[in-house]
Amino acid sequence: MLPLFLLNSVKGQPIMVELKRGETLNGTLTNCDSWMNITMKDIVVSDAHGENFYKLKSTYVKGIHIKYITMSNDLIDKFREEQLKEREYYRHRNNGGNNYQRRGNRRNYNGNQRYGGHSNRSQA
């Protein structure tokens, strides 16, 4: 499971982000990009010691400052189920990926036709 796919699937859901300097941010994920920069809304921030708390309406966090991200196990399970459903859909749609060999006269690497055909080259 790739982290960016997971993050994109939980947009609008609550997450907790711990920064490398020790602060934690609890809020709702609104967006993320390919560098794992994220935007959040309705955030409660705690300092590294967990003593001071304050609220933010929204914030932007650069991916390089993120130590880790946690979220509900229910969200992760839901994402896994969706991935399995998609995988099964494409597996049945493509008959297990074997359709490529059944598509008629394709040429192989030597230029010969694949199924019973002959190449245009003369044979010595």
PDB file of N, CA and C in Angstrom:
ATOM      1  N   MET A   1       0.855  -1.162   0.000  1.00  0.00           N
ATOM      2  CA  MET A   1       0.000   0.000   0.000  1.00  0.00           C
ATOM      3  C   MET A   1       0.904   1.230   0.000  1.00  0.00           C
ATOM      4  N   LEU A   2       0.747   2.075  -0.985  1.00  0.00           N
ATOM      5  CA  LEU A   2       1.573   3.262  -1.081  1.00  0.00           C
ATOM      6  C   LEU A   2       0.975   4.390  -0.254  1.00  0.00           C
ATOM      7  N   PRO A   3       1.820   5.140   0.463  1.00  0.00           N
ATOM      8  CA  PRO A   3       1.299   6.170   1.365  1.00  0.00           C
ATOM      9  C   PRO A   3       0.483   7.254   0.671  1.00  0.00           C
ATOM     10  N   LEU A   4       0.879   7.670  -0.533  1.00  0.00           N
ATOM     11  CA  LEU A   4       0.146   8.747  -1.195  1.00  0.00           C
ATOM     12  C   LEU A   4      -1.252   8.306  -1.601  1.00  0.00           C
ATOM     13  N   PHE A   5      -1.404   7.058  -2.057  1.00  0.00           N
ATOM     14  CA  PHE A   5      -2.737   6.555  -2.384  1.00  0.00           C
ATOM     15  C   PHE A   5      -3.610   6.529  -1.131  1.00  0.00           C
ATOM     16  N   LEU A   6      -3.018   6.110  -0.030  1.00  0.00           N
ATOM     17  CA  LEU A   6      -3.758   6.066   1.226  1.00  0.00           C
ATOM     18  C   LEU A   6      -4.158   7.469   1.659  1.00  0.00           C
ATOM     19  N   LEU A   7      -3.223   8.417   1.602  1.00  0.00           N
ATOM     20  CA  LEU A   7      -3.544   9.786   2.009  1.00  0.00           C
ATOM     21  C   LEU A   7      -4.627  10.391   1.129  1.00  0.00           C
ATOM     22  N   ASN A   8      -4.547  10.155  -0.166  1.00  0.00           N
ATOM     23  CA  ASN A   8      -5.573  10.694  -1.058  1.00  0.00           C
ATOM     24  C   ASN A   8      -6.939  10.083  -0.777  1.00  0.00           C
ATOM     25  N   SER A   9      -6.962   8.852  -0.311  1.00  0.00           N
ATOM     26  CA  SER A   9      -8.252   8.205  -0.056  1.00  0.00           C
ATOM     27  C   SER A   9      -8.883   8.658   1.257  1.00  0.00           C
ATOM     28  N   VAL A  10      -8.105   9.244   2.165  1.00  0.00           N
ATOM     29  CA  VAL A  10      -8.662   9.665   3.457  1.00  0.00           C
ATOM     30  C   VAL A  10      -8.833  11.181   3.554  1.00  0.00           C
ATOM     31  N   LYS A  11      -8.875  11.861   2.424  1.00  0.00           N
ATOM     32  CA  LYS A  11      -9.140  13.303   2.459  1.00  0.00           C
ATOM     33  C   LYS A  11     -10.495  13.537   3.112  1.00  0.00           C
ATOM     34  N   GLY A  12     -10.543  14.538   3.980  1.00  0.00           N
ATOM     35  CA  GLY A  12     -11.776  14.837   4.693  1.00  0.00           C
ATOM     36  C   GLY A  12     -11.933  14.047   5.982  1.00  0.00           C
ATOM     37  N   GLN A  13     -10.942  13.225   6.322  1.00  0.00           N
ATOM     38  CA  GLN A  13     -10.996  12.396   7.529  1.00  0.00           C
ATOM     39  C   GLN A  13      -9.986  12.913   8.557  1.00  0.00           C
ATOM     40  N   PRO A  14     -10.205  12.624   9.844  1.00  0.00           N
ATOM     41  CA  PRO A  14      -9.266  13.073  10.881  1.00  0.00           C
ATOM     42  C   PRO A  14      -7.972  12.256  10.863  1.00  0.00           C
ATOM     43  N   ILE A  15      -6.850  12.959  11.018  1.00  0.00           N
ATOM     44  CA  ILE A  15      -5.538  12.317  11.100  1.00  0.00           C
ATOM     45  C   ILE A  15      -4.722  13.010  12.183  1.00  0.00           C
ATOM     46  N   MET A  16      -3.640  12.361  12.602  1.00  0.00           N
ATOM     47  CA  MET A  16      -2.693  12.976  13.508  1.00  0.00           C
ATOM     48  C   MET A  16      -1.326  12.970  12.840  1.00  0.00           C
ATOM     49  N   VAL A  17      -0.659  14.103  12.843  1.00  0.00           N
ATOM     50  CA  VAL A  17       0.651  14.241  12.223  1.00  0.00           C
ATOM     51  C   VAL A  17       1.646  14.614  13.307  1.00  0.00           C
ATOM     52  N   GLU A  18       2.743  13.870  13.399  1.00  0.00           N
ATOM     53  CA  GLU A  18       3.824  14.269  14.294  1.00  0.00           C
ATOM     54  C   GLU A  18       4.947  14.824  13.440  1.00  0.00           C
ATOM     55  N   LEU A  19       5.426  15.995  13.831  1.00  0.00           N
ATOM     56  CA  LEU A  19       6.505  16.644  13.107  1.00  0.00           C
ATOM     57  C   LEU A  19       7.849  16.204  13.675  1.00  0.00           C
ATOM     58  N   LYS A  20       8.908  16.380  12.896  1.00  0.00           N
ATOM     59  CA  LYS A  20      10.237  15.963  13.328  1.00  0.00           C
ATOM     60  C   LYS A  20      10.697  16.693  14.581  1.00  0.00           C
ATOM     61  N   ARG A  21      10.216  17.910  14.795  1.00  0.00           N
ATOM     62  CA  ARG A  21      10.619  18.664  15.985  1.00  0.00           C
ATOM     63  C   ARG A  21       9.769  18.324  17.211  1.00  0.00           C
ATOM     64  N   GLY A  22       8.820  17.386  17.080  1.00  0.00           N
ATOM     65  CA  GLY A  22       8.084  16.876  18.227  1.00  0.00           C
ATOM     66  C   GLY A  22       6.658  17.355  18.364  1.00  0.00           C
ATOM     67  N   GLU A  23       6.252  18.394  17.659  1.00  0.00           N
ATOM     68  CA  GLU A  23       4.880  18.875  17.753  1.00  0.00           C
ATOM     69  C   GLU A  23       3.930  17.871  17.110  1.00  0.00           C
ATOM     70  N   THR A  24       2.692  17.831  17.604  1.00  0.00           N
ATOM     71  CA  THR A  24       1.669  16.994  16.976  1.00  0.00           C
ATOM     72  C   THR A  24       0.513  17.869  16.529  1.00  0.00           C
ATOM     73  N   LEU A  25      -0.065  17.505  15.400  1.00  0.00           N
ATOM     74  CA  LEU A  25      -1.211  18.212  14.844  1.00  0.00           C
ATOM     75  C   LEU A  25      -2.336  17.204  14.670  1.00  0.00           C
ATOM     76  N   ASN A  26      -3.474  17.476  15.287  1.00  0.00           N
ATOM     77  CA  ASN A  26      -4.670  16.646  15.136  1.00  0.00           C
ATOM     78  C   ASN A  26      -5.702  17.460  14.393  1.00  0.00           C
ATOM     79  N   GLY A  27      -6.129  16.978  13.231  1.00  0.00           N
ATOM     80  CA  GLY A  27      -7.108  17.720  12.454  1.00  0.00           C
ATOM     81  C   GLY A  27      -7.607  16.913  11.275  1.00  0.00           C
ATOM     82  N   THR A  28      -8.294  17.607  10.380  1.00  0.00           N
ATOM     83  CA  THR A  28      -8.892  16.972   9.209  1.00  0.00           C
ATOM     84  C   THR A  28      -8.018  17.224   7.991  1.00  0.00           C
ATOM     85  N   LEU A  29      -7.656  16.159   7.294  1.00  0.00           N
ATOM     86  CA  LEU A  29      -6.845  16.278   6.079  1.00  0.00           C
ATOM     87  C   LEU A  29      -7.701  16.853   4.957  1.00  0.00           C
ATOM     88  N   THR A  30      -7.218  17.930   4.335  1.00  0.00           N
ATOM     89  CA  THR A  30      -7.969  18.510   3.219  1.00  0.00           C
ATOM     90  C   THR A  30      -7.300  18.247   1.881  1.00  0.00           C
ATOM     91  N   ASN A  31      -5.961  18.134   1.866  1.00  0.00           N
ATOM     92  CA  ASN A  31      -5.281  17.892   0.592  1.00  0.00           C
ATOM     93  C   ASN A  31      -3.868  17.390   0.847  1.00  0.00           C
ATOM     94  N   CYS A  32      -3.305  16.700  -0.139  1.00  0.00           N
ATOM     95  CA  CYS A  32      -1.898  16.309  -0.108  1.00  0.00           C
ATOM     96  C   CYS A  32      -1.394  16.262  -1.541  1.00  0.00           C
ATOM     97  N   ASP A  33      -0.087  16.415  -1.703  1.00  0.00           N
ATOM     98  CA  ASP A  33       0.482  16.375  -3.044  1.00  0.00           C
ATOM     99  C   ASP A  33       1.542  15.289  -3.130  1.00  0.00           C
ATOM    100  N   SER A  34       2.235  15.212  -4.257  1.00  0.00           N
ATOM    101  CA  SER A  34       3.178  14.118  -4.496  1.00  0.00           C
ATOM    102  C   SER A  34       4.433  14.207  -3.631  1.00  0.00           C
ATOM    103  N   TRP A  35       4.689  15.344  -3.004  1.00  0.00           N
ATOM    104  CA  TRP A  35       5.823  15.480  -2.087  1.00  0.00           C
ATOM    105  C   TRP A  35       5.383  15.275  -0.644  1.00  0.00           C
ATOM    106  N   MET A  36       4.154  14.832  -0.465  1.00  0.00           N
ATOM    107  CA  MET A  36       3.530  14.590   0.823  1.00  0.00           C
ATOM    108  C   MET A  36       3.378  15.873   1.641  1.00  0.00           C
ATOM    109  N   ASN A  37       3.351  17.023   0.961  1.00  0.00           N
ATOM    110  CA  ASN A  37       2.938  18.256   1.620  1.00  0.00           C
ATOM    111  C   ASN A  37       1.442  18.133   1.848  1.00  0.00           C
ATOM    112  N   ILE A  38       0.985  18.517   3.027  1.00  0.00           N
ATOM    113  CA  ILE A  38      -0.431  18.350   3.335  1.00  0.00           C
ATOM    114  C   ILE A  38      -1.038  19.661   3.824  1.00  0.00           C
ATOM    115  N   THR A  39      -2.328  19.804   3.615  1.00  0.00           N
ATOM    116  CA  THR A  39      -3.091  20.887   4.221  1.00  0.00           C
ATOM    117  C   THR A  39      -4.149  20.257   5.108  1.00  0.00           C
ATOM    118  N   MET A  40      -4.366  20.910   6.245  1.00  0.00           N
ATOM    119  CA  MET A  40      -5.321  20.411   7.230  1.00  0.00           C
ATOM    120  C   MET A  40      -6.203  21.558   7.694  1.00  0.00           C
ATOM    121  N   LYS A  41      -7.369  21.219   8.244  1.00  0.00           N
ATOM    122  CA  LYS A  41      -8.249  22.232   8.822  1.00  0.00           C
ATOM    123  C   LYS A  41      -8.694  21.779  10.208  1.00  0.00           C
ATOM    124  N   ASP A  42      -9.163  22.731  11.003  1.00  0.00           N
ATOM    125  CA  ASP A  42      -9.652  22.481  12.369  1.00  0.00           C
ATOM    126  C   ASP A  42      -8.630  21.690  13.180  1.00  0.00           C
ATOM    127  N   ILE A  43      -7.457  22.292  13.368  1.00  0.00           N
ATOM    128  CA  ILE A  43      -6.319  21.593  13.962  1.00  0.00           C
ATOM    129  C   ILE A  43      -6.143  21.970  15.427  1.00  0.00           C
ATOM    130  N   VAL A  44      -5.788  20.975  16.229  1.00  0.00           N
ATOM    131  CA  VAL A  44      -5.326  21.206  17.590  1.00  0.00           C
ATOM    132  C   VAL A  44      -3.853  20.829  17.597  1.00  0.00           C
ATOM    133  N   VAL A  45      -3.003  21.801  17.956  1.00  0.00           N
ATOM    134  CA  VAL A  45      -1.553  21.599  17.948  1.00  0.00           C
ATOM    135  C   VAL A  45      -1.077  21.476  19.385  1.00  0.00           C
ATOM    136  N   SER A  46      -0.210  20.495  19.640  1.00  0.00           N
ATOM    137  CA  SER A  46       0.430  20.391  20.954  1.00  0.00           C
ATOM    138  C   SER A  46       1.933  20.475  20.760  1.00  0.00           C
ATOM    139  N   ASP A  47       2.611  21.058  21.748  1.00  0.00           N
ATOM    140  CA  ASP A  47       4.062  21.197  21.630  1.00  0.00           C
ATOM    141  C   ASP A  47       4.736  19.846  21.869  1.00  0.00           C
ATOM    142  N   ALA A  48       6.060  19.840  21.786  1.00  0.00           N
ATOM    143  CA  ALA A  48       6.824  18.594  21.883  1.00  0.00           C
ATOM    144  C   ALA A  48       6.661  17.920  23.244  1.00  0.00           C
ATOM    145  N   HIS A  49       6.381  18.701  24.289  1.00  0.00           N
ATOM    146  CA  HIS A  49       6.250  18.134  25.630  1.00  0.00           C
ATOM    147  C   HIS A  49       4.804  17.803  25.979  1.00  0.00           C
ATOM    148  N   GLY A  50       3.863  18.196  25.129  1.00  0.00           N
ATOM    149  CA  GLY A  50       2.456  17.927  25.378  1.00  0.00           C
ATOM    150  C   GLY A  50       1.846  18.817  26.441  1.00  0.00           C
ATOM    151  N   GLU A  51       2.495  19.944  26.744  1.00  0.00           N
ATOM    152  CA  GLU A  51       2.013  20.837  27.797  1.00  0.00           C
ATOM    153  C   GLU A  51       1.128  21.957  27.262  1.00  0.00           C
ATOM    154  N   ASN A  52       1.471  22.508  26.117  1.00  0.00           N
ATOM    155  CA  ASN A  52       0.736  23.642  25.557  1.00  0.00           C
ATOM    156  C   ASN A  52      -0.061  23.204  24.341  1.00  0.00           C
ATOM    157  N   PHE A  53      -1.306  23.670  24.278  1.00  0.00           N
ATOM    158  CA  PHE A  53      -2.187  23.350  23.164  1.00  0.00           C
ATOM    159  C   PHE A  53      -2.742  24.645  22.596  1.00  0.00           C
ATOM    160  N   TYR A  54      -2.940  24.660  21.290  1.00  0.00           N
ATOM    161  CA  TYR A  54      -3.636  25.784  20.668  1.00  0.00           C
ATOM    162  C   TYR A  54      -4.317  25.297  19.404  1.00  0.00           C
ATOM    163  N   LYS A  55      -5.309  26.079  18.952  1.00  0.00           N
ATOM    164  CA  LYS A  55      -6.106  25.696  17.785  1.00  0.00           C
ATOM    165  C   LYS A  55      -5.722  26.540  16.584  1.00  0.00           C
ATOM    166  N   LEU A  56      -5.799  25.912  15.410  1.00  0.00           N
ATOM    167  CA  LEU A  56      -5.610  26.602  14.137  1.00  0.00           C
ATOM    168  C   LEU A  56      -6.798  26.287  13.245  1.00  0.00           C
ATOM    169  N   LYS A  57      -7.180  27.264  12.452  1.00  0.00           N
ATOM    170  CA  LYS A  57      -8.282  27.039  11.515  1.00  0.00           C
ATOM    171  C   LYS A  57      -7.816  26.162  10.351  1.00  0.00           C
ATOM    172  N   SER A  58      -6.627  26.460   9.816  1.00  0.00           N
ATOM    173  CA  SER A  58      -6.050  25.642   8.740  1.00  0.00           C
ATOM    174  C   SER A  58      -4.537  25.812   8.756  1.00  0.00           C
ATOM    175  N   THR A  59      -3.850  24.860   8.165  1.00  0.00           N
ATOM    176  CA  THR A  59      -2.390  24.939   8.087  1.00  0.00           C
ATOM    177  C   THR A  59      -1.880  24.137   6.905  1.00  0.00           C
ATOM    178  N   TYR A  60      -0.658  24.436   6.518  1.00  0.00           N
ATOM    179  CA  TYR A  60       0.050  23.745   5.442  1.00  0.00           C
ATOM    180  C   TYR A  60       1.326  23.187   6.048  1.00  0.00           C
ATOM    181  N   VAL A  61       1.590  21.908   5.854  1.00  0.00           N
ATOM    182  CA  VAL A  61       2.778  21.267   6.410  1.00  0.00           C
ATOM    183  C   VAL A  61       3.589  20.688   5.266  1.00  0.00           C
ATOM    184  N   LYS A  62       4.860  21.080   5.188  1.00  0.00           N
ATOM    185  CA  LYS A  62       5.735  20.521   4.157  1.00  0.00           C
ATOM    186  C   LYS A  62       6.082  19.078   4.524  1.00  0.00           C
ATOM    187  N   GLY A  63       6.108  18.224   3.524  1.00  0.00           N
ATOM    188  CA  GLY A  63       6.354  16.804   3.740  1.00  0.00           C
ATOM    189  C   GLY A  63       7.678  16.506   4.406  1.00  0.00           C
ATOM    190  N   ILE A  64       8.680  17.345   4.173  1.00  0.00           N
ATOM    191  CA  ILE A  64      10.004  17.103   4.743  1.00  0.00           C
ATOM    192  C   ILE A  64      10.007  17.243   6.262  1.00  0.00           C
ATOM    193  N   HIS A  65       9.026  17.945   6.826  1.00  0.00           N
ATOM    194  CA  HIS A  65       8.953  18.148   8.274  1.00  0.00           C
ATOM    195  C   HIS A  65       8.135  17.075   8.979  1.00  0.00           C
ATOM    196  N   ILE A  66       7.504  16.179   8.221  1.00  0.00           N
ATOM    197  CA  ILE A  66       6.628  15.163   8.820  1.00  0.00           C
ATOM    198  C   ILE A  66       7.447  13.955   9.264  1.00  0.00           C
ATOM    199  N   LYS A  67       7.256  13.563  10.522  1.00  0.00           N
ATOM    200  CA  LYS A  67       7.891  12.354  11.044  1.00  0.00           C
ATOM    201  C   LYS A  67       7.015  11.148  10.735  1.00  0.00           C
ATOM    202  N   TYR A  68       5.738  11.221  11.091  1.00  0.00           N
ATOM    203  CA  TYR A  68       4.794  10.168  10.723  1.00  0.00           C
ATOM    204  C   TYR A  68       3.368  10.688  10.798  1.00  0.00           C
ATOM    205  N   ILE A  69       2.477   9.929  10.191  1.00  0.00           N
ATOM    206  CA  ILE A  69       1.053  10.254  10.161  1.00  0.00           C
ATOM    207  C   ILE A  69       0.289   9.032  10.656  1.00  0.00           C
ATOM    208  N   THR A  70      -0.660   9.255  11.549  1.00  0.00           N
ATOM    209  CA  THR A  70      -1.514   8.152  11.995  1.00  0.00           C
ATOM    210  C   THR A  70      -2.966   8.497  11.699  1.00  0.00           C
ATOM    211  N   MET A  71      -3.748   7.445  11.551  1.00  0.00           N
ATOM    212  CA  MET A  71      -5.178   7.610  11.302  1.00  0.00           C
ATOM    213  C   MET A  71      -5.901   6.396  11.860  1.00  0.00           C
ATOM    214  N   SER A  72      -7.197   6.435  11.829  1.00  0.00           N
ATOM    215  CA  SER A  72      -8.020   5.360  12.363  1.00  0.00           C
ATOM    216  C   SER A  72      -7.768   4.055  11.605  1.00  0.00           C
ATOM    217  N   ASN A  73      -7.735   2.949  12.334  1.00  0.00           N
ATOM    218  CA  ASN A  73      -7.589   1.638  11.692  1.00  0.00           C
ATOM    219  C   ASN A  73      -8.759   1.338  10.768  1.00  0.00           C
ATOM    220  N   ASP A  74      -9.932   1.872  11.091  1.00  0.00           N
ATOM    221  CA  ASP A  74     -11.105   1.673  10.232  1.00  0.00           C
ATOM    222  C   ASP A  74     -10.870   2.259   8.845  1.00  0.00           C
ATOM    223  N   LEU A  75     -10.213   3.423   8.782  1.00  0.00           N
ATOM    224  CA  LEU A  75      -9.920   4.047   7.487  1.00  0.00           C
ATOM    225  C   LEU A  75      -8.954   3.191   6.675  1.00  0.00           C
ATOM    226  N   ILE A  76      -7.959   2.635   7.343  1.00  0.00           N
ATOM    227  CA  ILE A  76      -6.977   1.791   6.650  1.00  0.00           C
ATOM    228  C   ILE A  76      -7.650   0.520   6.143  1.00  0.00           C
ATOM    229  N   ASP A  77      -8.494  -0.097   6.978  1.00  0.00           N
ATOM    230  CA  ASP A  77      -9.208  -1.310   6.559  1.00  0.00           C
ATOM    231  C   ASP A  77     -10.124  -1.032   5.377  1.00  0.00           C
ATOM    232  N   LYS A  78     -10.809   0.103   5.413  1.00  0.00           N
ATOM    233  CA  LYS A  78     -11.695   0.482   4.308  1.00  0.00           C
ATOM    234  C   LYS A  78     -10.897   0.663   3.017  1.00  0.00           C
ATOM    235  N   PHE A  79      -9.718   1.285   3.121  1.00  0.00           N
ATOM    236  CA  PHE A  79      -8.862   1.487   1.951  1.00  0.00           C
ATOM    237  C   PHE A  79      -8.401   0.147   1.382  1.00  0.00           C
ATOM    238  N   ARG A  80      -8.009  -0.780   2.249  1.00  0.00           N
ATOM    239  CA  ARG A  80      -7.575  -2.107   1.786  1.00  0.00           C
ATOM    240  C   ARG A  80      -8.701  -2.837   1.062  1.00  0.00           C
ATOM    241  N   GLU A  81      -9.907  -2.755   1.602  1.00  0.00           N
ATOM    242  CA  GLU A  81     -11.050  -3.406   0.957  1.00  0.00           C
ATOM    243  C   GLU A  81     -11.309  -2.821  -0.421  1.00  0.00           C
ATOM    244  N   GLU A  82     -11.218  -1.494  -0.544  1.00  0.00           N
ATOM    245  CA  GLU A  82     -11.418  -0.852  -1.841  1.00  0.00           C
ATOM    246  C   GLU A  82     -10.347  -1.287  -2.834  1.00  0.00           C
ATOM    247  N   GLN A  83      -9.098  -1.396  -2.362  1.00  0.00           N
ATOM    248  CA  GLN A  83      -8.021  -1.850  -3.240  1.00  0.00           C
ATOM    249  C   GLN A  83      -8.268  -3.272  -3.725  1.00  0.00           C
ATOM    250  N   LEU A  84      -8.697  -4.159  -2.833  1.00  0.00           N
ATOM    251  CA  LEU A  84      -8.967  -5.542  -3.223  1.00  0.00           C
ATOM    252  C   LEU A  84     -10.108  -5.624  -4.221  1.00  0.00           C
ATOM    253  N   LYS A  85     -11.157  -4.819  -4.024  1.00  0.00           N
ATOM    254  CA  LYS A  85     -12.275  -4.808  -4.970  1.00  0.00           C
ATOM    255  C   LYS A  85     -11.817  -4.348  -6.344  1.00  0.00           C
ATOM    256  N   GLU A  86     -10.990  -3.298  -6.381  1.00  0.00           N
ATOM    257  CA  GLU A  86     -10.471  -2.812  -7.666  1.00  0.00           C
ATOM    258  C   GLU A  86      -9.618  -3.871  -8.345  1.00  0.00           C
ATOM    259  N   ARG A  87      -8.764  -4.527  -7.568  1.00  0.00           N
ATOM    260  CA  ARG A  87      -7.885  -5.554  -8.117  1.00  0.00           C
ATOM    261  C   ARG A  87      -8.699  -6.698  -8.707  1.00  0.00           C
ATOM    262  N   GLU A  88      -9.733  -7.131  -7.987  1.00  0.00           N
ATOM    263  CA  GLU A  88     -10.600  -8.199  -8.488  1.00  0.00           C
ATOM    264  C   GLU A  88     -11.345  -7.764  -9.742  1.00  0.00           C
ATOM    265  N   TYR A  89     -11.806  -6.515  -9.761  1.00  0.00           N
ATOM    266  CA  TYR A  89     -12.515  -6.001 -10.932  1.00  0.00           C
ATOM    267  C   TYR A  89     -11.622  -6.069 -12.162  1.00  0.00           C
ATOM    268  N   TYR A  90     -10.389  -5.589 -12.039  1.00  0.00           N
ATOM    269  CA  TYR A  90      -9.496  -5.596 -13.193  1.00  0.00           C
ATOM    270  C   TYR A  90      -9.031  -7.001 -13.544  1.00  0.00           C
ATOM    271  N   ARG A  91      -8.903  -7.877 -12.556  1.00  0.00           N
ATOM    272  CA  ARG A  91      -8.510  -9.258 -12.831  1.00  0.00           C
ATOM    273  C   ARG A  91      -9.588  -9.954 -13.655  1.00  0.00           C
ATOM    274  N   HIS A  92     -10.856  -9.773 -13.278  1.00  0.00           N
ATOM    275  CA  HIS A  92     -11.949 -10.391 -14.032  1.00  0.00           C
ATOM    276  C   HIS A  92     -12.132  -9.717 -15.379  1.00  0.00           C
ATOM    277  N   ARG A  93     -11.933  -8.427 -15.415  1.00  0.00           N
ATOM    278  CA  ARG A  93     -12.102  -7.683 -16.662  1.00  0.00           C
ATOM    279  C   ARG A  93     -11.074  -8.116 -17.699  1.00  0.00           C
ATOM    280  N   ASN A  94      -9.866  -8.401 -17.259  1.00  0.00           N
ATOM    281  CA  ASN A  94      -8.788  -8.775 -18.167  1.00  0.00           C
ATOM    282  C   ASN A  94      -8.556 -10.273 -18.228  1.00  0.00           C
ATOM    283  N   ASN A  95      -9.421 -11.066 -17.645  1.00  0.00           N
ATOM    284  CA  ASN A  95      -9.256 -12.525 -17.607  1.00  0.00           C
ATOM    285  C   ASN A  95      -7.884 -12.924 -17.091  1.00  0.00           C
ATOM    286  N   GLY A  96      -7.475 -12.298 -16.018  1.00  0.00           N
ATOM    287  CA  GLY A  96      -6.196 -12.656 -15.424  1.00  0.00           C
ATOM    288  C   GLY A  96      -5.007 -12.104 -16.171  1.00  0.00           C
ATOM    289  N   GLY A  97      -5.181 -11.194 -17.063  1.00  0.00           N
ATOM    290  CA  GLY A  97      -4.069 -10.601 -17.782  1.00  0.00           C
ATOM    291  C   GLY A  97      -3.600 -11.406 -18.970  1.00  0.00           C
ATOM    292  N   ASN A  98      -4.328 -12.445 -19.382  1.00  0.00           N
ATOM    293  CA  ASN A  98      -3.891 -13.295 -20.486  1.00  0.00           C
ATOM    294  C   ASN A  98      -4.436 -12.863 -21.834  1.00  0.00           C
ATOM    295  N   ASN A  99      -5.152 -11.771 -21.903  1.00  0.00           N
ATOM    296  CA  ASN A  99      -5.735 -11.334 -23.167  1.00  0.00           C
ATOM    297  C   ASN A  99      -4.683 -10.966 -24.201  1.00  0.00           C
ATOM    298  N   TYR A 100      -3.528 -10.536 -23.768  1.00  0.00           N
ATOM    299  CA  TYR A 100      -2.522 -10.069 -24.719  1.00  0.00           C
ATOM    300  C   TYR A 100      -2.121 -11.174 -25.688  1.00  0.00           C
ATOM    301  N   GLN A 101      -1.983 -12.405 -25.194  1.00  0.00           N
ATOM    302  CA  GLN A 101      -1.566 -13.489 -26.073  1.00  0.00           C
ATOM    303  C   GLN A 101      -2.666 -13.914 -27.031  1.00  0.00           C
ATOM    304  N   ARG A 102      -3.900 -13.551 -26.794  1.00  0.00           N
ATOM    305  CA  ARG A 102      -5.009 -14.009 -27.621  1.00  0.00           C
ATOM    306  C   ARG A 102      -5.457 -12.975 -28.644  1.00  0.00           C
ATOM    307  N   ARG A 103      -4.673 -12.002 -28.930  1.00  0.00           N
ATOM    308  CA  ARG A 103      -5.136 -10.906 -29.769  1.00  0.00           C
ATOM    309  C   ARG A 103      -4.700 -11.006 -31.220  1.00  0.00           C
ATOM    310  N   GLY A 104      -4.573 -12.156 -31.775  1.00  0.00           N
ATOM    311  CA  GLY A 104      -4.313 -12.261 -33.204  1.00  0.00           C
ATOM    312  C   GLY A 104      -2.845 -12.282 -33.560  1.00  0.00           C
ATOM    313  N   ASN A 105      -2.542 -11.838 -34.760  1.00  0.00           N
ATOM    314  CA  ASN A 105      -1.195 -11.954 -35.304  1.00  0.00           C
ATOM    315  C   ASN A 105      -0.310 -10.792 -34.876  1.00  0.00           C
ATOM    316  N   ARG A 106       0.229 -10.887 -33.713  1.00  0.00           N
ATOM    317  CA  ARG A 106       1.222  -9.913 -33.262  1.00  0.00           C
ATOM    318  C   ARG A 106       2.590 -10.477 -33.586  1.00  0.00           C
ATOM    319  N   ARG A 107       3.530  -9.625 -33.775  1.00  0.00           N
ATOM    320  CA  ARG A 107       4.883 -10.080 -34.101  1.00  0.00           C
ATOM    321  C   ARG A 107       5.687 -10.266 -32.819  1.00  0.00           C
ATOM    322  N   ASN A 108       6.575 -11.257 -32.825  1.00  0.00           N
ATOM    323  CA  ASN A 108       7.448 -11.439 -31.680  1.00  0.00           C
ATOM    324  C   ASN A 108       8.725 -10.635 -31.896  1.00  0.00           C
ATOM    325  N   TYR A 109       9.696 -10.790 -31.046  1.00  0.00           N
ATOM    326  CA  TYR A 109      10.898  -9.973 -31.106  1.00  0.00           C
ATOM    327  C   TYR A 109      11.728 -10.214 -32.362  1.00  0.00           C
ATOM    328  N   ASN A 110      11.630 -11.385 -32.972  1.00  0.00           N
ATOM    329  CA  ASN A 110      12.417 -11.695 -34.162  1.00  0.00           C
ATOM    330  C   ASN A 110      11.746 -11.245 -35.445  1.00  0.00           C
ATOM    331  N   GLY A 111      10.591 -10.658 -35.362  1.00  0.00           N
ATOM    332  CA  GLY A 111       9.894 -10.192 -36.549  1.00  0.00           C
ATOM    333  C   GLY A 111       8.969 -11.231 -37.141  1.00  0.00           C
ATOM    334  N   ASN A 112       8.975 -12.444 -36.623  1.00  0.00           N
ATOM    335  CA  ASN A 112       8.074 -13.484 -37.126  1.00  0.00           C
ATOM    336  C   ASN A 112       6.698 -13.272 -36.534  1.00  0.00           C
ATOM    337  N   GLN A 113       5.698 -13.695 -37.279  1.00  0.00           N
ATOM    338  CA  GLN A 113       4.363 -13.592 -36.718  1.00  0.00           C
ATOM    339  C   GLN A 113       4.205 -14.645 -35.641  1.00  0.00           C
ATOM    340  N   ARG A 114       3.367 -14.361 -34.697  1.00  0.00           N
ATOM    341  CA  ARG A 114       3.274 -15.193 -33.521  1.00  0.00           C
ATOM    342  C   ARG A 114       2.568 -16.519 -33.759  1.00  0.00           C
ATOM    343  N   TYR A 115       1.469 -16.538 -34.467  1.00  0.00           N
ATOM    344  CA  TYR A 115       0.666 -17.758 -34.574  1.00  0.00           C
ATOM    345  C   TYR A 115       0.627 -18.261 -36.012  1.00  0.00           C
ATOM    346  N   GLY A 116       1.545 -19.100 -36.370  1.00  0.00           N
ATOM    347  CA  GLY A 116       1.495 -19.787 -37.651  1.00  0.00           C
ATOM    348  C   GLY A 116       1.870 -18.953 -38.854  1.00  0.00           C
ATOM    349  N   GLY A 117       2.196 -17.705 -38.679  1.00  0.00           N
ATOM    350  CA  GLY A 117       2.547 -16.868 -39.821  1.00  0.00           C
ATOM    351  C   GLY A 117       4.006 -17.039 -40.185  1.00  0.00           C
ATOM    352  N   HIS A 118       4.400 -16.538 -41.325  1.00  0.00           N
ATOM    353  CA  HIS A 118       5.784 -16.607 -41.764  1.00  0.00           C
ATOM    354  C   HIS A 118       6.287 -15.197 -41.960  1.00  0.00           C
ATOM    355  N   SER A 119       7.555 -15.012 -41.730  1.00  0.00           N
ATOM    356  CA  SER A 119       8.113 -13.678 -41.925  1.00  0.00           C
ATOM    357  C   SER A 119       8.367 -13.448 -43.408  1.00  0.00           C
ATOM    358  N   ASN A 120       8.583 -12.214 -43.764  1.00  0.00           N
ATOM    359  CA  ASN A 120       8.850 -11.863 -45.154  1.00  0.00           C
ATOM    360  C   ASN A 120      10.299 -12.124 -45.543  1.00  0.00           C
ATOM    361  N   ARG A 121      11.126 -12.465 -44.591  1.00  0.00           N
ATOM    362  CA  ARG A 121      12.534 -12.717 -44.891  1.00  0.00           C
ATOM    363  C   ARG A 121      12.699 -14.092 -45.534  1.00  0.00           C
ATOM    364  N   SER A 122      13.622 -14.170 -46.457  1.00  0.00           N
ATOM    365  CA  SER A 122      13.891 -15.482 -47.068  1.00  0.00           C
ATOM    366  C   SER A 122      14.809 -16.258 -46.143  1.00  0.00           C
ATOM    367  N   GLN A 123      14.598 -17.547 -46.114  1.00  0.00           N
ATOM    368  CA  GLN A 123      15.408 -18.367 -45.234  1.00  0.00           C
ATOM    369  C   GLN A 123      16.443 -19.105 -46.064  1.00  0.00           C
ATOM    370  N   ALA A 124      17.660 -19.158 -45.567  1.00  0.00           N
ATOM    371  CA  ALA A 124      18.753 -19.791 -46.303  1.00  0.00           C
ATOM    372  C   ALA A 124      18.842 -21.256 -46.042  1.00  0.00           C
TER     373      ALA A 124
END
